[in-house]
Amino acid sequence: MKFKYTESDDFIEIELVGNEKEDQQQQQNLNFYELSDVSNDKPSNKYYEQNSELATPAITKDSDVEKNKCCPKRKRLADYYPLTPEDAVILQRMSSRSFNIYFINQLLLKLSNKYSFRHFANKTAVLNYMAKALANELLTTEQANSGNFRFNDVGRFKEQYLANIESGTDRSMKAQLKRKIAGVFEADMAYKILTSCDFGAAVKNKYYIKLLKNITLSDHIKFKILQEVRAVHGNDIEQLQVIPFDESKQVTNGTT
């Protein structure tokens, strides 16, 4: 077999010059191998090419089925709306708070809009998520369950709550401390502290606060609370002892 080169300014052409006898011999060899494949009952390359389109989709389809079984499509929170009355009973038990089904579904929609990137594999995951949200909800059940609640009413509820605290006539030390906190802190923070903390008693030089919800109090906030504690209980109080929120007592993961 020979090669013929043709060179120009733009390219070099390589032309294959065939030899008839040599070509005939190669064709005979090729036919021999094809016949050998058939005689040995082995499928030829041509067979695979013709049948690959039939075989491949079946494999791909089976793979997709297995993939969907192992990893089902995750859904947005809103896709589980509305939750049923049975779901509400489960959530009340899991969160230890008696929010009604209307508020629960309103909260679900609010969280879905706020955290649209969150997706859930199944109903159990949704209920666990909602139970934690309800356990840490700052609104009281009385506020949330009142009439046709809307989340744009939250600001009004907070203002009314703080106003009631500040105008109270209870002279107990706990009530005095709450009034001071309501007056010193910015409204949102005051509401958060007052609805998330159980103000205990002073023991020697420590004052104890128990967290009722899963919130974080910064060192600055703790220092300001300690100042108000000392204003009520005296300067002998040197330390604010915060008892952490025990989530295991509020939300159980075994409910389905």
C-alpha atoms as a PDB file:
ATOM      1  CA  MET A   1       0.000   0.000   0.000  1.00  0.00           C
ATOM      2  CA  LYS A   2       1.371   3.414  -0.948  1.00  0.00           C
ATOM      3  CA  PHE A   3       0.800   7.058   0.058  1.00  0.00           C
ATOM      4  CA  LYS A   4       0.742   9.984  -2.316  1.00  0.00           C
ATOM      5  CA  TYR A   5       1.538  13.451  -0.890  1.00  0.00           C
ATOM      6  CA  THR A   6       0.193  16.661  -2.472  1.00  0.00           C
ATOM      7  CA  GLU A   7       1.458  19.870  -0.882  1.00  0.00           C
ATOM      8  CA  SER A   8      -0.030  23.335  -1.441  1.00  0.00           C
ATOM      9  CA  ASP A   9       0.141  26.668   0.355  1.00  0.00           C
ATOM     10  CA  ASP A  10      -2.867  25.883   2.508  1.00  0.00           C
ATOM     11  CA  PHE A  11      -2.622  22.183   3.296  1.00  0.00           C
ATOM     12  CA  ILE A  12      -0.881  18.896   2.718  1.00  0.00           C
ATOM     13  CA  GLU A  13      -3.099  16.206   1.192  1.00  0.00           C
ATOM     14  CA  ILE A  14      -2.285  12.574   1.827  1.00  0.00           C
ATOM     15  CA  GLU A  15      -3.868  10.246  -0.716  1.00  0.00           C
ATOM     16  CA  LEU A  16      -3.991   6.531  -0.208  1.00  0.00           C
ATOM     17  CA  VAL A  17      -3.098   4.650  -3.376  1.00  0.00           C
ATOM     18  CA  GLY A  18      -4.563   1.156  -3.190  1.00  0.00           C
ATOM     19  CA  ASN A  19      -3.230  -2.047  -4.552  1.00  0.00           C
ATOM     20  CA  GLU A  20      -6.015  -4.162  -6.046  1.00  0.00           C
ATOM     21  CA  LYS A  21      -4.493  -7.509  -5.133  1.00  0.00           C
ATOM     22  CA  GLU A  22      -3.679  -6.376  -1.650  1.00  0.00           C
ATOM     23  CA  ASP A  23      -7.212  -4.994  -1.205  1.00  0.00           C
ATOM     24  CA  GLN A  24      -8.735  -8.269  -2.358  1.00  0.00           C
ATOM     25  CA  GLN A  25      -6.587 -10.238   0.110  1.00  0.00           C
ATOM     26  CA  GLN A  26      -7.631  -7.970   3.005  1.00  0.00           C
ATOM     27  CA  GLN A  27     -11.293  -8.346   2.072  1.00  0.00           C
ATOM     28  CA  GLN A  28     -10.926 -12.137   2.042  1.00  0.00           C
ATOM     29  CA  ASN A  29      -9.315 -12.035   5.483  1.00  0.00           C
ATOM     30  CA  LEU A  30     -12.151  -9.859   6.765  1.00  0.00           C
ATOM     31  CA  ASN A  31     -14.761 -12.259   5.386  1.00  0.00           C
ATOM     32  CA  PHE A  32     -12.934 -15.166   7.020  1.00  0.00           C
ATOM     33  CA  TYR A  33     -13.074 -13.555  10.467  1.00  0.00           C
ATOM     34  CA  GLU A  34     -16.770 -12.702  10.078  1.00  0.00           C
ATOM     35  CA  LEU A  35     -17.534 -16.307   9.092  1.00  0.00           C
ATOM     36  CA  SER A  36     -15.504 -17.564  12.056  1.00  0.00           C
ATOM     37  CA  ASP A  37     -17.558 -15.409  14.418  1.00  0.00           C
ATOM     38  CA  VAL A  38     -20.778 -16.852  13.049  1.00  0.00           C
ATOM     39  CA  SER A  39     -19.557 -20.440  13.194  1.00  0.00           C
ATOM     40  CA  ASN A  40     -18.547 -19.987  16.837  1.00  0.00           C
ATOM     41  CA  ASP A  41     -21.995 -18.530  17.675  1.00  0.00           C
ATOM     42  CA  LYS A  42     -20.444 -15.280  18.843  1.00  0.00           C
ATOM     43  CA  PRO A  43     -22.382 -12.086  18.086  1.00  0.00           C
ATOM     44  CA  SER A  44     -20.508  -9.738  15.780  1.00  0.00           C
ATOM     45  CA  ASN A  45     -19.886  -6.044  16.341  1.00  0.00           C
ATOM     46  CA  LYS A  46     -22.621  -5.336  13.838  1.00  0.00           C
ATOM     47  CA  TYR A  47     -25.075  -7.263  16.021  1.00  0.00           C
ATOM     48  CA  TYR A  48     -24.216  -5.154  19.059  1.00  0.00           C
ATOM     49  CA  GLU A  49     -24.553  -1.948  17.080  1.00  0.00           C
ATOM     50  CA  GLN A  50     -27.975  -2.930  15.788  1.00  0.00           C
ATOM     51  CA  ASN A  51     -29.263  -3.994  19.197  1.00  0.00           C
ATOM     52  CA  SER A  52     -27.593  -1.412  21.430  1.00  0.00           C
ATOM     53  CA  GLU A  53     -30.519   0.980  21.106  1.00  0.00           C
ATOM     54  CA  LEU A  54     -32.852  -1.720  22.386  1.00  0.00           C
ATOM     55  CA  ALA A  55     -30.640  -2.785  25.264  1.00  0.00           C
ATOM     56  CA  THR A  56     -29.557   0.609  26.578  1.00  0.00           C
ATOM     57  CA  PRO A  57     -33.004   2.106  27.392  1.00  0.00           C
ATOM     58  CA  ALA A  58     -33.941  -0.960  29.439  1.00  0.00           C
ATOM     59  CA  ILE A  59     -30.802  -0.646  31.558  1.00  0.00           C
ATOM     60  CA  THR A  60     -31.301   3.089  31.981  1.00  0.00           C
ATOM     61  CA  LYS A  61     -34.935   2.647  32.946  1.00  0.00           C
ATOM     62  CA  ASP A  62     -34.105   0.038  35.565  1.00  0.00           C
ATOM     63  CA  SER A  63     -31.392   2.302  36.960  1.00  0.00           C
ATOM     64  CA  ASP A  64     -33.826   5.198  37.230  1.00  0.00           C
ATOM     65  CA  VAL A  65     -36.330   3.014  39.055  1.00  0.00           C
ATOM     66  CA  GLU A  66     -33.704   1.885  41.556  1.00  0.00           C
ATOM     67  CA  LYS A  67     -32.550   5.479  41.998  1.00  0.00           C
ATOM     68  CA  ASN A  68     -36.094   6.680  42.681  1.00  0.00           C
ATOM     69  CA  LYS A  69     -36.622   3.880  45.203  1.00  0.00           C
ATOM     70  CA  CYS A  70     -33.459   4.774  47.098  1.00  0.00           C
ATOM     71  CA  CYS A  71     -33.709   8.547  46.783  1.00  0.00           C
ATOM     72  CA  PRO A  72     -37.353   9.706  46.436  1.00  0.00           C
ATOM     73  CA  LYS A  73     -37.941  13.236  45.224  1.00  0.00           C
ATOM     74  CA  ARG A  74     -37.781  15.750  48.074  1.00  0.00           C
ATOM     75  CA  LYS A  75     -40.631  18.256  48.341  1.00  0.00           C
ATOM     76  CA  ARG A  76     -40.981  21.822  49.566  1.00  0.00           C
ATOM     77  CA  LEU A  77     -42.765  22.459  52.834  1.00  0.00           C
ATOM     78  CA  ALA A  78     -45.721  24.021  50.997  1.00  0.00           C
ATOM     79  CA  ASP A  79     -46.272  20.759  49.129  1.00  0.00           C
ATOM     80  CA  TYR A  80     -47.454  19.227  52.423  1.00  0.00           C
ATOM     81  CA  TYR A  81     -50.086  21.955  52.966  1.00  0.00           C
ATOM     82  CA  PRO A  82     -52.586  21.625  54.485  1.00  0.00           C
ATOM     83  CA  LEU A  83     -51.751  19.423  57.434  1.00  0.00           C
ATOM     84  CA  THR A  84     -54.661  17.357  58.716  1.00  0.00           C
ATOM     85  CA  PRO A  85     -56.375  17.483  62.127  1.00  0.00           C
ATOM     86  CA  GLU A  86     -54.614  14.199  62.896  1.00  0.00           C
ATOM     87  CA  ASP A  87     -51.280  15.866  62.110  1.00  0.00           C
ATOM     88  CA  ALA A  88     -52.205  18.730  64.438  1.00  0.00           C
ATOM     89  CA  VAL A  89     -52.818  16.308  67.317  1.00  0.00           C
ATOM     90  CA  ILE A  90     -49.411  14.712  66.724  1.00  0.00           C
ATOM     91  CA  LEU A  91     -47.708  18.124  66.633  1.00  0.00           C
ATOM     92  CA  GLN A  92     -49.440  19.245  69.831  1.00  0.00           C
ATOM     93  CA  ARG A  93     -48.087  16.176  71.581  1.00  0.00           C
ATOM     94  CA  MET A  94     -44.589  16.508  70.095  1.00  0.00           C
ATOM     95  CA  SER A  95     -44.242  20.222  70.873  1.00  0.00           C
ATOM     96  CA  SER A  96     -46.123  20.134  74.189  1.00  0.00           C
ATOM     97  CA  ARG A  97     -48.063  23.192  72.997  1.00  0.00           C
ATOM     98  CA  SER A  98     -51.749  23.299  72.064  1.00  0.00           C
ATOM     99  CA  PHE A  99     -51.714  25.402  68.884  1.00  0.00           C
ATOM    100  CA  ASN A 100     -54.816  24.880  66.741  1.00  0.00           C
ATOM    101  CA  ILE A 101     -54.687  23.516  63.208  1.00  0.00           C
ATOM    102  CA  TYR A 102     -55.379  26.911  61.622  1.00  0.00           C
ATOM    103  CA  PHE A 103     -52.305  28.477  63.204  1.00  0.00           C
ATOM    104  CA  ILE A 104     -50.183  25.399  62.449  1.00  0.00           C
ATOM    105  CA  ASN A 105     -51.012  25.615  58.744  1.00  0.00           C
ATOM    106  CA  GLN A 106     -50.435  29.383  58.713  1.00  0.00           C
ATOM    107  CA  LEU A 107     -47.018  28.808  60.270  1.00  0.00           C
ATOM    108  CA  LEU A 108     -46.249  26.102  57.707  1.00  0.00           C
ATOM    109  CA  LEU A 109     -46.927  28.537  54.845  1.00  0.00           C
ATOM    110  CA  LYS A 110     -44.891  31.275  56.505  1.00  0.00           C
ATOM    111  CA  LEU A 111     -41.882  28.988  56.987  1.00  0.00           C
ATOM    112  CA  SER A 112     -42.227  27.678  53.439  1.00  0.00           C
ATOM    113  CA  ASN A 113     -42.044  31.207  52.023  1.00  0.00           C
ATOM    114  CA  LYS A 114     -39.199  32.242  54.296  1.00  0.00           C
ATOM    115  CA  TYR A 115     -37.104  29.108  53.777  1.00  0.00           C
ATOM    116  CA  SER A 116     -38.051  28.100  50.236  1.00  0.00           C
ATOM    117  CA  PHE A 117     -34.731  26.268  49.803  1.00  0.00           C
ATOM    118  CA  ARG A 118     -35.648  23.650  52.413  1.00  0.00           C
ATOM    119  CA  HIS A 119     -36.929  20.325  51.096  1.00  0.00           C
ATOM    120  CA  PHE A 120     -38.253  17.273  52.922  1.00  0.00           C
ATOM    121  CA  ALA A 121     -38.125  13.590  52.064  1.00  0.00           C
ATOM    122  CA  ASN A 122     -41.396  12.597  53.733  1.00  0.00           C
ATOM    123  CA  LYS A 123     -44.209  13.546  56.122  1.00  0.00           C
ATOM    124  CA  THR A 124     -42.277  12.381  59.179  1.00  0.00           C
ATOM    125  CA  ALA A 125     -39.483  14.860  58.461  1.00  0.00           C
ATOM    126  CA  VAL A 126     -42.061  17.642  58.063  1.00  0.00           C
ATOM    127  CA  LEU A 127     -43.734  16.841  61.378  1.00  0.00           C
ATOM    128  CA  ASN A 128     -40.402  16.795  63.220  1.00  0.00           C
ATOM    129  CA  TYR A 129     -39.494  20.160  61.674  1.00  0.00           C
ATOM    130  CA  MET A 130     -42.878  21.727  62.481  1.00  0.00           C
ATOM    131  CA  ALA A 131     -42.819  20.353  66.040  1.00  0.00           C
ATOM    132  CA  LYS A 132     -39.528  22.126  66.715  1.00  0.00           C
ATOM    133  CA  ALA A 133     -40.871  25.343  65.185  1.00  0.00           C
ATOM    134  CA  LEU A 134     -43.988  25.189  67.365  1.00  0.00           C
ATOM    135  CA  ALA A 135     -41.999  24.373  70.502  1.00  0.00           C
ATOM    136  CA  ASN A 136     -39.931  27.523  69.960  1.00  0.00           C
ATOM    137  CA  GLU A 137     -42.770  29.791  68.776  1.00  0.00           C
ATOM    138  CA  LEU A 138     -42.677  33.086  70.673  1.00  0.00           C
ATOM    139  CA  LEU A 139     -46.423  33.659  70.483  1.00  0.00           C
ATOM    140  CA  THR A 140     -48.485  32.200  73.275  1.00  0.00           C
ATOM    141  CA  THR A 141     -51.113  29.640  72.348  1.00  0.00           C
ATOM    142  CA  GLU A 142     -53.790  32.096  73.476  1.00  0.00           C
ATOM    143  CA  GLN A 143     -52.539  34.710  71.017  1.00  0.00           C
ATOM    144  CA  ALA A 144     -52.037  32.284  68.159  1.00  0.00           C
ATOM    145  CA  ASN A 145     -55.400  30.549  68.584  1.00  0.00           C
ATOM    146  CA  SER A 146     -57.437  33.757  68.840  1.00  0.00           C
ATOM    147  CA  GLY A 147     -59.948  34.189  66.016  1.00  0.00           C
ATOM    148  CA  ASN A 148     -58.685  34.415  62.457  1.00  0.00           C
ATOM    149  CA  PHE A 149     -55.037  34.909  63.295  1.00  0.00           C
ATOM    150  CA  ARG A 150     -52.738  36.495  60.706  1.00  0.00           C
ATOM    151  CA  PHE A 151     -48.991  36.825  61.060  1.00  0.00           C
ATOM    152  CA  ASN A 152     -49.207  40.534  60.357  1.00  0.00           C
ATOM    153  CA  ASP A 153     -50.898  40.761  63.775  1.00  0.00           C
ATOM    154  CA  VAL A 154     -47.681  39.723  65.541  1.00  0.00           C
ATOM    155  CA  GLY A 155     -46.475  43.302  66.041  1.00  0.00           C
ATOM    156  CA  ARG A 156     -49.772  44.251  67.676  1.00  0.00           C
ATOM    157  CA  PHE A 157     -49.627  41.214  69.975  1.00  0.00           C
ATOM    158  CA  LYS A 158     -46.085  42.088  71.090  1.00  0.00           C
ATOM    159  CA  GLU A 159     -46.965  45.695  71.841  1.00  0.00           C
ATOM    160  CA  GLN A 160     -50.023  44.677  73.832  1.00  0.00           C
ATOM    161  CA  TYR A 161     -48.086  42.009  75.737  1.00  0.00           C
ATOM    162  CA  LEU A 162     -45.316  44.427  76.771  1.00  0.00           C
ATOM    163  CA  ALA A 163     -47.835  47.129  77.656  1.00  0.00           C
ATOM    164  CA  ASN A 164     -49.636  44.700  79.971  1.00  0.00           C
ATOM    165  CA  ILE A 165     -46.333  43.780  81.650  1.00  0.00           C
ATOM    166  CA  GLU A 166     -45.297  47.387  82.227  1.00  0.00           C
ATOM    167  CA  SER A 167     -48.698  48.473  83.529  1.00  0.00           C
ATOM    168  CA  GLY A 168     -49.060  45.513  85.894  1.00  0.00           C
ATOM    169  CA  THR A 169     -49.568  46.101  89.613  1.00  0.00           C
ATOM    170  CA  ASP A 170     -48.047  42.850  90.886  1.00  0.00           C
ATOM    171  CA  ARG A 171     -45.352  43.770  93.437  1.00  0.00           C
ATOM    172  CA  SER A 172     -43.568  40.411  93.517  1.00  0.00           C
ATOM    173  CA  MET A 173     -39.864  40.417  92.658  1.00  0.00           C
ATOM    174  CA  LYS A 174     -40.488  38.344  89.542  1.00  0.00           C
ATOM    175  CA  ALA A 175     -43.102  40.810  88.283  1.00  0.00           C
ATOM    176  CA  GLN A 176     -40.815  43.757  89.062  1.00  0.00           C
ATOM    177  CA  LEU A 177     -37.984  42.130  87.107  1.00  0.00           C
ATOM    178  CA  LYS A 178     -40.261  41.530  84.117  1.00  0.00           C
ATOM    179  CA  ARG A 179     -41.346  45.172  84.127  1.00  0.00           C
ATOM    180  CA  LYS A 180     -37.726  46.310  84.149  1.00  0.00           C
ATOM    181  CA  ILE A 181     -36.848  44.005  81.253  1.00  0.00           C
ATOM    182  CA  ALA A 182     -39.872  45.232  79.279  1.00  0.00           C
ATOM    183  CA  GLY A 183     -38.758  48.825  79.797  1.00  0.00           C
ATOM    184  CA  VAL A 184     -35.005  48.452  79.224  1.00  0.00           C
ATOM    185  CA  PHE A 185     -34.774  46.202  76.172  1.00  0.00           C
ATOM    186  CA  GLU A 186     -35.865  46.943  72.621  1.00  0.00           C
ATOM    187  CA  ALA A 187     -39.396  45.620  72.063  1.00  0.00           C
ATOM    188  CA  ASP A 188     -38.553  42.509  70.033  1.00  0.00           C
ATOM    189  CA  MET A 189     -35.772  41.441  72.397  1.00  0.00           C
ATOM    190  CA  ALA A 190     -37.859  42.180  75.490  1.00  0.00           C
ATOM    191  CA  TYR A 191     -40.698  40.063  74.110  1.00  0.00           C
ATOM    192  CA  LYS A 192     -38.266  37.263  73.234  1.00  0.00           C
ATOM    193  CA  ILE A 193     -36.738  37.216  76.727  1.00  0.00           C
ATOM    194  CA  LEU A 194     -40.017  37.451  78.608  1.00  0.00           C
ATOM    195  CA  THR A 195     -41.730  34.697  76.614  1.00  0.00           C
ATOM    196  CA  SER A 196     -38.721  32.367  76.503  1.00  0.00           C
ATOM    197  CA  CYS A 197     -37.431  32.492  80.086  1.00  0.00           C
ATOM    198  CA  ASP A 198     -38.701  31.280  83.418  1.00  0.00           C
ATOM    199  CA  PHE A 199     -37.381  33.666  86.061  1.00  0.00           C
ATOM    200  CA  GLY A 200     -36.502  31.644  89.113  1.00  0.00           C
ATOM    201  CA  ALA A 201     -35.045  32.614  92.449  1.00  0.00           C
ATOM    202  CA  ALA A 202     -31.839  33.979  93.884  1.00  0.00           C
ATOM    203  CA  VAL A 203     -29.631  31.427  95.631  1.00  0.00           C
ATOM    204  CA  LYS A 204     -26.795  33.024  97.555  1.00  0.00           C
ATOM    205  CA  ASN A 205     -24.980  35.172  94.989  1.00  0.00           C
ATOM    206  CA  LYS A 206     -26.579  33.596  91.895  1.00  0.00           C
ATOM    207  CA  TYR A 207     -29.860  34.236  90.102  1.00  0.00           C
ATOM    208  CA  TYR A 208     -31.324  31.371  88.065  1.00  0.00           C
ATOM    209  CA  ILE A 209     -33.148  31.651  84.733  1.00  0.00           C
ATOM    210  CA  LYS A 210     -34.474  28.606  82.914  1.00  0.00           C
ATOM    211  CA  LEU A 211     -34.882  28.726  79.132  1.00  0.00           C
ATOM    212  CA  LEU A 212     -38.305  27.530  77.993  1.00  0.00           C
ATOM    213  CA  LYS A 213     -37.395  27.672  74.310  1.00  0.00           C
ATOM    214  CA  ASN A 214     -34.318  27.020  72.230  1.00  0.00           C
ATOM    215  CA  ILE A 215     -32.942  30.561  72.124  1.00  0.00           C
ATOM    216  CA  THR A 216     -29.447  31.985  72.552  1.00  0.00           C
ATOM    217  CA  LEU A 217     -28.700  34.850  74.914  1.00  0.00           C
ATOM    218  CA  SER A 218     -25.511  36.740  74.117  1.00  0.00           C
ATOM    219  CA  ASP A 219     -23.112  37.773  76.869  1.00  0.00           C
ATOM    220  CA  HIS A 220     -24.234  41.372  76.394  1.00  0.00           C
ATOM    221  CA  ILE A 221     -27.892  40.426  76.899  1.00  0.00           C
ATOM    222  CA  LYS A 222     -27.021  38.353  79.971  1.00  0.00           C
ATOM    223  CA  PHE A 223     -25.094  41.281  81.446  1.00  0.00           C
ATOM    224  CA  LYS A 224     -28.050  43.626  80.956  1.00  0.00           C
ATOM    225  CA  ILE A 225     -30.426  41.107  82.542  1.00  0.00           C
ATOM    226  CA  LEU A 226     -28.033  40.731  85.486  1.00  0.00           C
ATOM    227  CA  GLN A 227     -28.087  44.496  85.994  1.00  0.00           C
ATOM    228  CA  GLU A 228     -31.889  44.451  86.246  1.00  0.00           C
ATOM    229  CA  VAL A 229     -31.753  41.417  88.556  1.00  0.00           C
ATOM    230  CA  ARG A 230     -29.429  43.305  90.892  1.00  0.00           C
ATOM    231  CA  ALA A 231     -31.734  46.328  90.781  1.00  0.00           C
ATOM    232  CA  VAL A 232     -34.522  44.124  92.146  1.00  0.00           C
ATOM    233  CA  HIS A 233     -32.688  41.577  94.333  1.00  0.00           C
ATOM    234  CA  GLY A 234     -29.749  43.661  95.480  1.00  0.00           C
ATOM    235  CA  ASN A 235     -26.069  43.948  94.669  1.00  0.00           C
ATOM    236  CA  ASP A 236     -25.271  40.666  96.399  1.00  0.00           C
ATOM    237  CA  ILE A 237     -26.210  38.917  93.149  1.00  0.00           C
ATOM    238  CA  GLU A 238     -22.962  38.506  91.249  1.00  0.00           C
ATOM    239  CA  GLN A 239     -23.806  35.902  88.642  1.00  0.00           C
ATOM    240  CA  LEU A 240     -26.645  35.052  86.262  1.00  0.00           C
ATOM    241  CA  GLN A 241     -27.054  31.291  85.926  1.00  0.00           C
ATOM    242  CA  VAL A 242     -28.904  30.291  82.723  1.00  0.00           C
ATOM    243  CA  ILE A 243     -30.310  26.745  82.644  1.00  0.00           C
ATOM    244  CA  PRO A 244     -30.297  25.554  79.004  1.00  0.00           C
ATOM    245  CA  PHE A 245     -33.420  24.491  77.153  1.00  0.00           C
ATOM    246  CA  ASP A 246     -33.920  20.716  77.265  1.00  0.00           C
ATOM    247  CA  GLU A 247     -35.161  19.874  73.788  1.00  0.00           C
ATOM    248  CA  SER A 248     -35.504  16.163  74.516  1.00  0.00           C
ATOM    249  CA  LYS A 249     -38.427  16.871  76.827  1.00  0.00           C
ATOM    250  CA  GLN A 250     -40.238  18.964  74.227  1.00  0.00           C
ATOM    251  CA  VAL A 251     -39.833  17.132  70.929  1.00  0.00           C
ATOM    252  CA  THR A 252     -39.646  13.404  70.380  1.00  0.00           C
ATOM    253  CA  ASN A 253     -38.465  11.998  67.073  1.00  0.00           C
ATOM    254  CA  GLY A 254     -40.266   8.676  67.320  1.00  0.00           C
ATOM    255  CA  THR A 255     -43.700   9.967  66.287  1.00  0.00           C
ATOM    256  CA  THR A 256     -44.783   9.279  62.703  1.00  0.00           C
END
